[in-house]
Amino acid sequence: MTGIGLQTMAAFRYQDNQLWCEDVPLAEIATAVGTPIYIYSQADLQERAVAFVTAVPSANTLVCYAVKANNNPAILGLLRQAGLGADVTSGGELFLALHAGISPDKIIYSGVGKRRDEIEMALDAGIRALHVESAMELEAIAAIAGERQQVARIGVRVNPDIHAETHPYMTTGEKWHKFGVTPETAVALLHTAREHPALHPIGLAAHIGSQITAVPPFVQSAHFLVQMADELATSGIRLEYVDVGGGLGIDYEDWRLGIGDPPQQSLVPNFQSPHIFEWVTAVTQPILAAGYGVVMEPGRSIVGPTGCLLTRVTYTKSQGGTQFAIVDAGMSDLIRPTLYDAYHPVLPVTRAAAEASPAPYTIVGPICETGDWLAKERSLPALKPGNVLAIMQAGAYGYAMASNYNGRLKPAEILVNGNRFTPIRKRQDYTHLLDGCQAPE
């Protein structure tokens, strides 16, 4: 295995001028279910999951999928079947992971603000470890476990102060970030845990950020963690595993399918740099060589390229020198462009055999915010109401970050498997806007 490019066909492709997911034309799904709608390829999802699991065949390697990327229970169930565990950051994510049948001994719990009820929930489930991110949190876990006459397995998340090239909001491993603790504090916490009867220190973790496409920062972090673990071993603390985190990026922009490409069997490439195999082997080698188990926390790199968001053009207008396409999806459905100035490829679901000269369109939603946009100045064929567009590379941090802002309903989610498509989450209706509400007495 040399990477993730194992399929003979890309998950998304043009065939007879129609954009397909596996063996289903997307226009068929849009007609049957409506828009906006998220669509995922089961084959692509499973292939990416297996690529992580098999890149380094080792009984000492655990792949914990970052549930925050996409927490649909059907997605989690497929990843469980592929052998993955879960990295969770809240009681809700822990609930979903357990609901999907993921074994508790394959679940780690990260996050800086775990509440008492969440800690108790993790102890009840018997998860592999709670990852501690402050001295006060360690004290809280020790007190709660002691009251319950349990021993809590813990890891400590260390902040390695490693700079990674990504969006500032996605970096997490530098000294001024809220995540983790300093190396000195991590050593002190692990020594405290060793001496406490209600604590059992088993791991050391780091996570330097998200959407990082360069391997060297990850390798630097892995070596940093191994050095720390070796120093701890000399003082009597032999850890079971080192957790290198996640953050492997996908390539949102390097898509080479143009409007004028041949219509028959034109592939929509799922580029990814670096490849899963390259990343896994690079970060695990120093850890396995040192005799520690490895935990990884991939999210986006598994589910991101497997999904797209379909949206239908409602109106078009030209204003201030900009040609707008107003669509029925918005920042409430996909907030990444607004939040991170993120780029997502945009493709017409149906294209003519001979396209007219394309024009630059800015694609905006119906929400009452200037920041409600999905793409700016994209070269697309002439658009008109009713045209369906596919916002690609949207499997991660799409639905998971959706909201009901402006009274908007969350979209449906569809899983495609070969020539069949199945709803895995129904579209909300207006009654969902009343969930949990009641009038004052």
Protein backbone atom coordinates (compact mmCIF):
# COMPACT_ATOMS: atom_id res chain seq x y z
CA MET A 1 0.00 0.00 0.00
CA THR A 2 1.41 3.38 -0.99
CA GLY A 3 -1.41 5.75 -0.14
CA ILE A 4 -5.15 6.16 -0.19
CA GLY A 5 -5.60 6.17 -3.97
CA LEU A 6 -6.85 2.59 -4.04
CA GLN A 7 -10.14 2.96 -5.91
CA THR A 8 -10.33 2.48 -9.67
CA MET A 9 -13.00 5.18 -9.70
CA ALA A 10 -13.18 8.33 -7.59
CA ALA A 11 -16.15 8.49 -5.25
CA PHE A 12 -17.47 11.51 -7.20
CA ARG A 13 -17.23 11.65 -10.99
CA TYR A 14 -18.94 12.99 -14.09
CA GLN A 15 -20.68 10.48 -16.32
CA ASP A 16 -22.89 11.52 -19.23
CA ASN A 17 -22.61 15.12 -18.02
CA GLN A 18 -24.06 14.18 -14.63
CA LEU A 19 -22.12 14.29 -11.36
CA TRP A 20 -22.35 10.91 -9.65
CA CYS A 21 -21.53 9.61 -6.18
CA GLU A 22 -20.47 6.00 -6.61
CA ASP A 23 -23.22 4.58 -8.88
CA VAL A 24 -25.94 7.14 -8.17
CA PRO A 25 -26.41 10.45 -10.04
CA LEU A 26 -26.61 13.29 -7.54
CA ALA A 27 -29.47 14.89 -9.47
CA GLU A 28 -31.56 11.83 -8.65
CA ILE A 29 -30.96 12.31 -4.93
CA ALA A 30 -31.67 16.04 -5.11
CA THR A 31 -35.00 15.34 -6.81
CA ALA A 32 -35.99 12.61 -4.37
CA VAL A 33 -34.91 14.25 -1.11
CA GLY A 34 -34.66 17.97 -1.85
CA THR A 35 -31.92 20.45 -1.02
CA PRO A 36 -29.83 21.41 0.85
CA ILE A 37 -28.55 17.94 1.63
CA TYR A 38 -25.32 16.26 2.68
CA ILE A 39 -24.26 13.17 0.74
CA TYR A 40 -21.48 10.73 1.72
CA SER A 41 -19.77 7.88 -0.12
CA GLN A 42 -19.66 4.72 1.97
CA ALA A 43 -16.95 3.13 -0.18
CA ASP A 44 -14.66 6.14 0.15
CA LEU A 45 -15.27 6.36 3.90
CA GLN A 46 -14.46 2.70 4.46
CA GLU A 47 -11.39 2.81 2.25
CA ARG A 48 -9.92 5.76 4.13
CA ALA A 49 -10.62 4.13 7.48
CA VAL A 50 -8.97 0.90 6.41
CA ALA A 51 -5.97 2.87 5.09
CA PHE A 52 -5.32 4.16 8.62
CA VAL A 53 -5.82 0.78 10.27
CA THR A 54 -3.58 -1.14 7.86
CA ALA A 55 -0.82 1.41 7.25
CA VAL A 56 1.09 0.12 10.26
CA PRO A 57 -0.15 -3.39 11.12
CA SER A 58 0.53 -3.50 14.83
CA ALA A 59 -1.30 -4.73 17.87
CA ASN A 60 0.09 -1.64 19.61
CA THR A 61 -1.64 0.88 17.33
CA LEU A 62 -5.11 2.32 17.98
CA VAL A 63 -6.88 4.66 15.56
CA CYS A 64 -9.41 6.80 17.44
CA TYR A 65 -11.63 8.68 15.00
CA ALA A 66 -12.20 12.31 16.03
CA VAL A 67 -15.97 12.28 16.48
CA LYS A 68 -16.17 16.09 16.26
CA ALA A 69 -15.50 15.91 12.50
CA ASN A 70 -18.78 14.13 11.73
CA ASN A 71 -20.82 12.53 14.49
CA ASN A 72 -23.59 10.87 12.51
CA PRO A 73 -24.25 7.50 14.20
CA ALA A 74 -24.28 5.67 10.86
CA ILE A 75 -20.83 7.05 10.03
CA LEU A 76 -19.57 6.05 13.48
CA GLY A 77 -20.97 2.56 13.02
CA LEU A 78 -19.14 2.07 9.73
CA LEU A 79 -15.89 3.24 11.29
CA ARG A 80 -16.39 0.85 14.21
CA GLN A 81 -16.79 -1.99 11.71
CA ALA A 82 -13.47 -0.95 10.14
CA GLY A 83 -11.79 -1.34 13.53
CA LEU A 84 -11.59 2.27 14.69
CA GLY A 85 -12.08 3.62 18.16
CA ALA A 86 -13.15 7.16 19.06
CA ASP A 87 -11.65 10.40 20.31
CA VAL A 88 -14.43 12.31 22.07
CA THR A 89 -14.54 15.81 23.51
CA SER A 90 -17.89 15.92 25.31
CA GLY A 91 -20.44 13.77 27.05
CA GLY A 92 -22.56 13.97 23.92
CA GLU A 93 -19.79 12.61 21.72
CA LEU A 94 -19.12 9.85 24.25
CA PHE A 95 -22.83 8.96 24.17
CA LEU A 96 -22.78 8.80 20.37
CA ALA A 97 -19.63 6.67 20.28
CA LEU A 98 -21.08 4.19 22.76
CA HIS A 99 -24.42 4.24 20.92
CA ALA A 100 -22.56 3.26 17.72
CA GLY A 101 -21.13 0.25 19.52
CA ILE A 102 -17.54 1.45 19.80
CA SER A 103 -15.80 -0.50 22.54
CA PRO A 104 -15.07 1.64 25.64
CA ASP A 105 -11.47 0.41 25.69
CA LYS A 106 -11.04 2.09 22.30
CA ILE A 107 -12.33 5.49 23.48
CA ILE A 108 -10.22 8.38 24.75
CA TYR A 109 -11.71 11.58 26.11
CA SER A 110 -9.96 14.88 25.33
CA GLY A 111 -10.99 18.47 26.02
CA VAL A 112 -10.16 21.29 28.40
CA GLY A 113 -13.50 21.63 30.21
CA LYS A 114 -14.87 18.24 31.26
CA ARG A 115 -17.74 18.60 33.73
CA ARG A 116 -18.31 16.33 36.73
CA ASP A 117 -21.19 14.52 35.03
CA GLU A 118 -19.03 13.91 31.95
CA ILE A 119 -16.17 12.52 34.04
CA GLU A 120 -18.63 10.25 35.84
CA MET A 121 -20.04 9.13 32.51
CA ALA A 122 -16.55 8.21 31.29
CA LEU A 123 -15.81 6.30 34.50
CA ASP A 124 -19.14 4.49 34.25
CA ALA A 125 -18.33 3.42 30.69
CA GLY A 126 -14.80 2.29 31.54
CA ILE A 127 -13.13 4.11 28.65
CA ARG A 128 -9.45 3.67 27.91
CA ALA A 129 -8.37 7.04 29.31
CA LEU A 130 -9.33 10.57 30.22
CA HIS A 131 -6.78 13.01 28.80
CA VAL A 132 -6.04 15.67 31.41
CA GLU A 133 -5.42 19.28 30.34
CA SER A 134 -4.92 21.13 33.65
CA ALA A 135 -3.88 20.58 37.26
CA MET A 136 -7.39 21.39 38.48
CA GLU A 137 -8.87 18.82 36.12
CA LEU A 138 -6.55 16.14 37.47
CA GLU A 139 -7.65 17.04 41.00
CA ALA A 140 -11.30 16.80 39.98
CA ILE A 141 -10.87 13.39 38.32
CA ALA A 142 -8.96 12.09 41.35
CA ALA A 143 -11.67 13.30 43.74
CA ILE A 144 -14.53 11.89 41.69
CA ALA A 145 -12.82 8.52 41.12
CA GLY A 146 -11.91 8.34 44.81
CA GLU A 147 -15.49 8.98 45.91
CA ARG A 148 -16.62 6.18 43.62
CA GLN A 149 -13.82 3.84 44.76
CA GLN A 150 -12.56 3.57 41.21
CA VAL A 151 -9.18 3.99 39.55
CA ALA A 152 -9.27 6.42 36.64
CA ARG A 153 -6.89 5.76 33.76
CA ILE A 154 -5.46 9.07 32.61
CA GLY A 155 -3.21 10.52 29.98
CA VAL A 156 -1.86 14.05 30.00
CA ARG A 157 -2.06 16.34 26.99
CA VAL A 158 1.15 18.28 26.66
CA ASN A 159 1.52 21.45 24.62
CA PRO A 160 4.77 20.98 22.65
CA ASP A 161 4.94 24.61 21.43
CA ILE A 162 5.27 23.52 17.79
CA HIS A 163 4.18 25.91 15.05
CA ALA A 164 2.12 24.43 12.23
CA GLU A 165 1.12 26.18 9.01
CA THR A 166 -2.66 26.34 9.07
CA HIS A 167 -5.46 28.79 9.84
CA PRO A 168 -4.79 30.56 13.17
CA TYR A 169 -8.08 29.23 14.57
CA MET A 170 -6.92 25.66 13.82
CA THR A 171 -3.54 25.73 15.56
CA THR A 172 -3.62 24.15 19.02
CA GLY A 173 -0.04 23.24 19.92
CA GLU A 174 1.66 26.54 20.70
CA LYS A 175 2.34 27.83 24.20
CA TRP A 176 -0.32 30.55 24.21
CA HIS A 177 -3.17 28.19 23.29
CA LYS A 178 -5.74 26.96 25.79
CA PHE A 179 -5.02 23.31 25.08
CA GLY A 180 -2.80 21.00 27.10
CA VAL A 181 -0.15 21.91 29.65
CA THR A 182 3.54 22.77 29.52
CA PRO A 183 6.04 19.89 29.49
CA GLU A 184 7.07 20.72 33.05
CA THR A 185 3.47 20.64 34.24
CA ALA A 186 2.81 17.41 32.35
CA VAL A 187 5.70 15.69 34.15
CA ALA A 188 4.45 16.97 37.52
CA LEU A 189 0.89 15.80 36.82
CA LEU A 190 2.01 12.32 35.80
CA HIS A 191 4.10 12.00 38.98
CA THR A 192 1.11 13.16 41.04
CA ALA A 193 -1.09 10.61 39.29
CA ARG A 194 1.38 7.80 39.97
CA GLU A 195 1.20 8.51 43.70
CA HIS A 196 -2.59 8.84 43.88
CA PRO A 197 -4.56 5.64 44.69
CA ALA A 198 -7.48 6.68 42.43
CA LEU A 199 -5.35 7.46 39.36
CA HIS A 200 -3.37 5.34 36.91
CA PRO A 201 -1.20 7.26 34.42
CA ILE A 202 -0.96 5.42 31.08
CA GLY A 203 -0.48 7.95 28.28
CA LEU A 204 1.05 11.15 26.95
CA ALA A 205 -0.71 13.09 24.20
CA ALA A 206 -0.30 16.10 21.93
CA HIS A 207 -2.36 17.67 19.17
CA ILE A 208 -0.70 20.49 17.24
CA GLY A 209 -3.63 21.61 15.13
CA SER A 210 -5.99 20.84 12.28
CA GLN A 211 -5.83 20.95 8.47
CA ILE A 212 -2.01 20.61 8.45
CA THR A 213 -0.58 19.23 5.20
CA ALA A 214 3.13 19.19 6.08
CA VAL A 215 4.49 16.02 7.73
CA PRO A 216 7.58 17.43 9.54
CA PRO A 217 5.65 19.20 12.37
CA PHE A 218 3.89 15.93 13.19
CA VAL A 219 7.17 14.02 13.21
CA GLN A 220 8.72 16.72 15.42
CA SER A 221 5.83 16.30 17.86
CA ALA A 222 6.20 12.50 17.86
CA HIS A 223 9.91 12.73 18.70
CA PHE A 224 9.14 15.29 21.40
CA LEU A 225 6.63 12.96 23.02
CA VAL A 226 8.95 9.96 22.86
CA GLN A 227 11.74 11.94 24.51
CA MET A 228 9.36 12.98 27.29
CA ALA A 229 8.10 9.42 27.74
CA ASP A 230 11.65 8.06 27.92
CA GLU A 231 12.58 10.64 30.57
CA LEU A 232 9.50 9.68 32.57
CA ALA A 233 10.50 6.02 32.34
CA THR A 234 13.83 6.77 34.00
CA SER A 235 11.90 8.15 36.98
CA GLY A 236 9.69 5.09 37.30
CA ILE A 237 6.71 6.01 35.10
CA ARG A 238 6.48 3.65 32.14
CA LEU A 239 3.60 4.78 29.92
CA GLU A 240 1.52 2.42 27.79
CA TYR A 241 1.05 4.71 24.80
CA VAL A 242 1.93 7.97 23.11
CA ASP A 243 -0.92 9.80 21.37
CA VAL A 244 0.19 11.84 18.33
CA GLY A 245 -3.25 13.41 17.91
CA GLY A 246 -4.72 14.12 14.51
CA GLY A 247 -4.83 17.15 12.26
CA LEU A 248 -3.80 15.62 8.93
CA GLY A 249 -5.19 17.97 6.29
CA ILE A 250 -6.92 17.34 3.00
CA ASP A 251 -6.45 19.27 -0.20
CA TYR A 252 -9.47 21.51 -0.65
CA GLU A 253 -8.12 23.39 -3.66
CA ASP A 254 -6.08 21.07 -5.90
CA TRP A 255 -8.97 19.87 -8.04
CA ARG A 256 -8.17 19.81 -11.74
CA LEU A 257 -11.53 19.01 -13.27
CA GLY A 258 -12.46 21.92 -15.54
CA ILE A 259 -15.77 22.82 -17.13
CA GLY A 260 -14.41 21.88 -20.56
CA ASP A 261 -13.12 18.43 -19.62
CA PRO A 262 -14.45 15.45 -21.61
CA PRO A 263 -17.89 14.58 -20.24
CA GLN A 264 -17.49 10.80 -20.27
CA GLN A 265 -16.04 9.26 -17.13
CA SER A 266 -14.25 12.45 -16.11
CA LEU A 267 -13.00 11.87 -12.61
CA VAL A 268 -13.34 14.35 -9.79
CA PRO A 269 -10.02 13.70 -8.04
CA ASN A 270 -9.87 13.15 -4.31
CA PHE A 271 -6.41 14.66 -3.92
CA GLN A 272 -4.86 14.50 -0.51
CA SER A 273 -1.42 15.67 0.49
CA PRO A 274 0.20 14.01 2.26
CA HIS A 275 -1.16 10.49 1.81
CA ILE A 276 -2.49 8.64 4.80
CA PHE A 277 0.19 5.97 4.50
CA GLU A 278 2.96 8.56 4.43
CA TRP A 279 1.63 10.34 7.50
CA VAL A 280 0.95 7.23 9.58
CA THR A 281 4.32 5.63 8.92
CA ALA A 282 6.17 8.89 9.61
CA VAL A 283 4.55 9.64 12.97
CA THR A 284 4.38 6.09 14.32
CA GLN A 285 7.92 4.98 13.49
CA PRO A 286 9.72 6.77 16.35
CA ILE A 287 7.04 5.75 18.86
CA LEU A 288 6.91 2.06 17.97
CA ALA A 289 10.70 1.94 17.78
CA ALA A 290 10.84 3.22 21.35
CA GLY A 291 8.52 0.45 22.52
CA TYR A 292 5.35 2.44 23.18
CA GLY A 293 1.86 1.87 21.88
CA VAL A 294 0.48 4.47 19.46
CA VAL A 295 -2.83 6.30 19.49
CA MET A 296 -3.89 8.46 16.52
CA GLU A 297 -6.91 10.78 16.26
CA PRO A 298 -7.73 11.34 12.56
CA GLY A 299 -11.00 13.01 11.65
CA ARG A 300 -11.08 15.27 8.60
CA SER A 301 -8.68 13.05 6.63
CA ILE A 302 -11.12 10.14 6.94
CA VAL A 303 -14.48 11.76 6.36
CA GLY A 304 -13.78 15.12 4.67
CA PRO A 305 -13.42 14.06 1.02
CA THR A 306 -16.24 11.51 1.29
CA GLY A 307 -19.01 14.11 1.42
CA CYS A 308 -20.58 16.95 -0.50
CA LEU A 309 -23.36 19.47 0.16
CA LEU A 310 -25.98 19.82 -2.56
CA THR A 311 -27.67 23.19 -2.87
CA ARG A 312 -30.12 24.61 -5.40
CA VAL A 313 -29.95 28.06 -6.99
CA THR A 314 -32.93 30.17 -5.91
CA TYR A 315 -32.12 33.48 -7.64
CA THR A 316 -29.28 35.24 -9.45
CA LYS A 317 -28.49 38.92 -9.57
CA SER A 318 -25.70 41.27 -10.56
CA GLN A 319 -24.82 44.02 -8.10
CA GLY A 320 -21.79 46.23 -7.55
CA GLY A 321 -19.82 44.42 -10.21
CA THR A 322 -20.46 41.02 -8.63
CA GLN A 323 -22.58 38.25 -10.09
CA PHE A 324 -24.39 36.52 -7.23
CA ALA A 325 -25.95 33.09 -7.18
CA ILE A 326 -28.31 32.93 -4.20
CA VAL A 327 -28.75 29.33 -3.10
CA ASP A 328 -30.84 27.48 -0.52
CA ALA A 329 -27.83 26.50 1.64
CA GLY A 330 -26.02 28.97 3.81
CA MET A 331 -23.62 29.44 6.69
CA SER A 332 -26.04 27.60 8.97
CA ASP A 333 -25.41 24.49 6.85
CA LEU A 334 -21.69 24.96 6.11
CA ILE A 335 -19.96 27.57 8.26
CA ARG A 336 -16.37 26.83 7.27
CA PRO A 337 -16.15 29.52 4.53
CA THR A 338 -17.50 32.17 6.93
CA LEU A 339 -15.48 31.02 9.95
CA TYR A 340 -12.15 30.18 8.33
CA ASP A 341 -12.37 31.88 4.93
CA ALA A 342 -12.26 28.27 3.75
CA TYR A 343 -12.23 27.17 0.13
CA HIS A 344 -14.50 24.34 -1.06
CA PRO A 345 -14.65 23.25 -4.72
CA VAL A 346 -18.02 23.92 -6.37
CA LEU A 347 -19.27 21.79 -9.27
CA PRO A 348 -22.50 21.86 -11.30
CA VAL A 349 -24.46 18.65 -10.76
CA THR A 350 -25.59 18.74 -14.38
CA ARG A 351 -23.50 20.22 -17.16
CA ALA A 352 -24.21 20.65 -20.86
CA ALA A 353 -22.23 18.67 -23.41
CA ALA A 354 -20.85 21.96 -24.73
CA GLU A 355 -20.69 24.52 -21.98
CA ALA A 356 -20.98 28.21 -22.70
CA SER A 357 -18.18 30.47 -21.57
CA PRO A 358 -18.07 30.36 -17.77
CA ALA A 359 -18.52 33.44 -15.61
CA PRO A 360 -17.37 34.25 -12.08
CA TYR A 361 -20.11 33.72 -9.48
CA THR A 362 -20.15 34.48 -5.79
CA ILE A 363 -22.37 31.89 -4.15
CA VAL A 364 -24.30 33.18 -1.15
CA GLY A 365 -27.05 31.88 1.10
CA PRO A 366 -30.34 33.33 2.38
CA ILE A 367 -29.13 34.23 5.88
CA CYS A 368 -29.16 37.82 7.14
CA GLU A 369 -25.38 38.14 7.45
CA THR A 370 -22.87 39.63 5.02
CA GLY A 371 -20.61 36.73 5.95
CA ASP A 372 -23.14 34.22 4.61
CA TRP A 373 -21.23 32.96 1.60
CA LEU A 374 -20.10 29.56 0.36
CA ALA A 375 -17.73 30.51 -2.46
CA LYS A 376 -16.42 33.68 -4.07
CA GLU A 377 -15.71 34.43 -7.71
CA ARG A 378 -15.98 30.85 -8.96
CA SER A 379 -15.87 30.17 -12.67
CA LEU A 380 -19.14 28.37 -13.48
CA PRO A 381 -21.44 28.04 -16.49
CA ALA A 382 -24.38 30.44 -16.64
CA LEU A 383 -26.56 29.68 -13.63
CA LYS A 384 -30.31 29.97 -13.36
CA PRO A 385 -32.90 29.15 -10.69
CA GLY A 386 -33.25 25.41 -10.20
CA ASN A 387 -29.65 24.54 -11.03
CA VAL A 388 -28.08 22.26 -8.42
CA LEU A 389 -24.50 22.78 -7.25
CA ALA A 390 -22.27 20.42 -5.29
CA ILE A 391 -20.06 21.95 -2.58
CA MET A 392 -17.29 19.36 -2.42
CA GLN A 393 -14.94 18.14 0.34
CA ALA A 394 -17.73 18.79 2.86
CA GLY A 395 -17.82 15.53 4.81
CA ALA A 396 -16.00 16.99 7.82
CA TYR A 397 -17.12 19.94 9.94
CA GLY A 398 -20.16 20.43 7.73
CA TYR A 399 -23.29 19.05 9.34
CA ALA A 400 -21.37 18.73 12.61
CA MET A 401 -21.18 22.55 12.84
CA ALA A 402 -24.65 23.25 11.42
CA SER A 403 -27.13 25.37 13.37
CA ASN A 404 -30.70 26.65 13.39
CA TYR A 405 -29.64 30.30 13.08
CA ASN A 406 -32.31 32.46 11.42
CA GLY A 407 -34.79 29.67 12.14
CA ARG A 408 -33.16 27.55 9.48
CA LEU A 409 -33.78 23.81 9.42
CA LYS A 410 -30.81 21.46 9.44
CA PRO A 411 -30.45 19.46 6.21
CA ALA A 412 -30.84 15.75 5.68
CA GLU A 413 -27.87 13.39 5.38
CA ILE A 414 -27.66 10.61 2.80
CA LEU A 415 -25.27 7.65 2.57
CA VAL A 416 -24.55 6.22 -0.87
CA ASN A 417 -23.53 2.59 -1.14
CA GLY A 418 -23.02 1.42 -4.71
CA ASN A 419 -26.26 2.05 -6.60
CA ARG A 420 -28.35 2.68 -3.48
CA PHE A 421 -28.78 5.73 -1.29
CA THR A 422 -30.16 5.71 2.24
CA PRO A 423 -31.21 8.58 4.52
CA ILE A 424 -29.05 8.48 7.67
CA ARG A 425 -30.57 11.64 9.15
CA LYS A 426 -33.95 13.14 8.30
CA ARG A 427 -34.31 16.78 7.42
CA GLN A 428 -35.67 18.79 10.31
CA ASP A 429 -39.17 20.22 10.13
CA TYR A 430 -40.39 23.38 11.84
CA THR A 431 -41.51 21.52 14.95
CA HIS A 432 -37.84 20.81 15.72
CA LEU A 433 -37.43 24.53 16.39
CA LEU A 434 -39.61 23.99 19.47
CA ASP A 435 -37.53 21.13 20.89
CA GLY A 436 -37.17 21.61 24.65
CA CYS A 437 -39.13 24.86 24.67
CA GLN A 438 -42.01 25.63 26.99
CA ALA A 439 -43.96 28.71 27.93
CA PRO A 440 -43.37 30.26 31.37
CA GLU A 441 -46.06 29.55 33.95
